[in-house]
Amino acid sequence: MAILWAEHVTLNTAKEDNGVFEQVRQEFSEEEVIELTLMCGFFNLFNRLTDSLHIPI
């Protein structure tokens, strides 16, 4: 379920009414959903930054 949520956060489809948020909320606590979303956002930011600036990993 965490990977499904990460995919939707990354593709910016988590905001759509597709039932994914409800599925995630059934599996994780509110704090865990927030933490998962923050981690997805952080890694998306990091990936876009390094890719755009051609920074080797």
C-alpha atoms as a PDB file:
ATOM      1  CA  MET A   1       0.000   0.000   0.000  1.00  0.00           C
ATOM      2  CA  ALA A   2       2.891   2.370   0.731  1.00  0.00           C
ATOM      3  CA  ILE A   3       4.226   1.904  -2.796  1.00  0.00           C
ATOM      4  CA  LEU A   4       0.800   2.600  -4.288  1.00  0.00           C
ATOM      5  CA  TRP A   5       0.611   5.814  -2.262  1.00  0.00           C
ATOM      6  CA  ALA A   6       4.152   6.795  -3.308  1.00  0.00           C
ATOM      7  CA  GLU A   7       3.241   6.299  -6.967  1.00  0.00           C
ATOM      8  CA  HIS A   8       0.176   8.509  -6.651  1.00  0.00           C
ATOM      9  CA  VAL A   9       2.066  11.216  -4.758  1.00  0.00           C
ATOM     10  CA  THR A  10       4.857  11.132  -7.353  1.00  0.00           C
ATOM     11  CA  LEU A  11       2.472  11.260 -10.312  1.00  0.00           C
ATOM     12  CA  ASN A  12       0.404  13.970  -8.561  1.00  0.00           C
ATOM     13  CA  THR A  13      -2.718  11.828  -8.812  1.00  0.00           C
ATOM     14  CA  ALA A  14      -3.202  11.446  -5.049  1.00  0.00           C
ATOM     15  CA  LYS A  15      -5.438  14.526  -5.131  1.00  0.00           C
ATOM     16  CA  GLU A  16      -7.924  12.818  -7.446  1.00  0.00           C
ATOM     17  CA  ASP A  17     -10.949  11.038  -6.040  1.00  0.00           C
ATOM     18  CA  ASN A  18      -9.724   7.566  -6.949  1.00  0.00           C
ATOM     19  CA  GLY A  19     -10.152   5.907  -3.550  1.00  0.00           C
ATOM     20  CA  VAL A  20      -6.422   5.543  -2.934  1.00  0.00           C
ATOM     21  CA  PHE A  21      -6.395   7.951   0.003  1.00  0.00           C
ATOM     22  CA  GLU A  22      -9.168   5.990   1.701  1.00  0.00           C
ATOM     23  CA  GLN A  23      -7.246   2.745   1.168  1.00  0.00           C
ATOM     24  CA  VAL A  24      -4.101   4.271   2.639  1.00  0.00           C
ATOM     25  CA  ARG A  25      -6.021   5.653   5.634  1.00  0.00           C
ATOM     26  CA  GLN A  26      -7.378   2.175   6.371  1.00  0.00           C
ATOM     27  CA  GLU A  27      -3.850   0.753   6.420  1.00  0.00           C
ATOM     28  CA  PHE A  28      -1.923   3.558   8.162  1.00  0.00           C
ATOM     29  CA  SER A  29      -2.502   6.047  10.955  1.00  0.00           C
ATOM     30  CA  GLU A  30      -2.779   9.758  10.213  1.00  0.00           C
ATOM     31  CA  GLU A  31       0.802  10.283  11.393  1.00  0.00           C
ATOM     32  CA  GLU A  32       2.070   7.483   9.151  1.00  0.00           C
ATOM     33  CA  VAL A  33       0.255   8.879   6.107  1.00  0.00           C
ATOM     34  CA  ILE A  34       1.831  12.269   6.758  1.00  0.00           C
ATOM     35  CA  GLU A  35       5.275  10.710   7.168  1.00  0.00           C
ATOM     36  CA  LEU A  36       4.923   8.634   3.988  1.00  0.00           C
ATOM     37  CA  THR A  37       3.781  11.688   2.040  1.00  0.00           C
ATOM     38  CA  LEU A  38       6.634  13.833   3.356  1.00  0.00           C
ATOM     39  CA  MET A  39       9.191  11.162   2.458  1.00  0.00           C
ATOM     40  CA  CYS A  40       7.756  10.847  -1.054  1.00  0.00           C
ATOM     41  CA  GLY A  41       7.886  14.615  -1.459  1.00  0.00           C
ATOM     42  CA  PHE A  42      11.454  14.773  -0.183  1.00  0.00           C
ATOM     43  CA  PHE A  43      12.696  12.101  -2.551  1.00  0.00           C
ATOM     44  CA  ASN A  44      10.814  13.642  -5.484  1.00  0.00           C
ATOM     45  CA  LEU A  45      12.417  17.001  -4.691  1.00  0.00           C
ATOM     46  CA  PHE A  46      15.862  15.443  -4.383  1.00  0.00           C
ATOM     47  CA  ASN A  47      15.495  13.500  -7.643  1.00  0.00           C
ATOM     48  CA  ARG A  48      14.277  16.524  -9.599  1.00  0.00           C
ATOM     49  CA  LEU A  49      17.041  18.710  -8.180  1.00  0.00           C
ATOM     50  CA  THR A  50      19.862  16.290  -8.968  1.00  0.00           C
ATOM     51  CA  ASP A  51      18.448  15.398 -12.385  1.00  0.00           C
ATOM     52  CA  SER A  52      17.941  19.036 -13.406  1.00  0.00           C
ATOM     53  CA  LEU A  53      21.413  20.048 -12.308  1.00  0.00           C
ATOM     54  CA  HIS A  54      23.031  16.913 -13.771  1.00  0.00           C
ATOM     55  CA  ILE A  55      24.489  16.024 -10.376  1.00  0.00           C
ATOM     56  CA  PRO A  56      25.870  12.481 -10.365  1.00  0.00           C
ATOM     57  CA  ILE A  57      24.691  10.323  -7.511  1.00  0.00           C
END
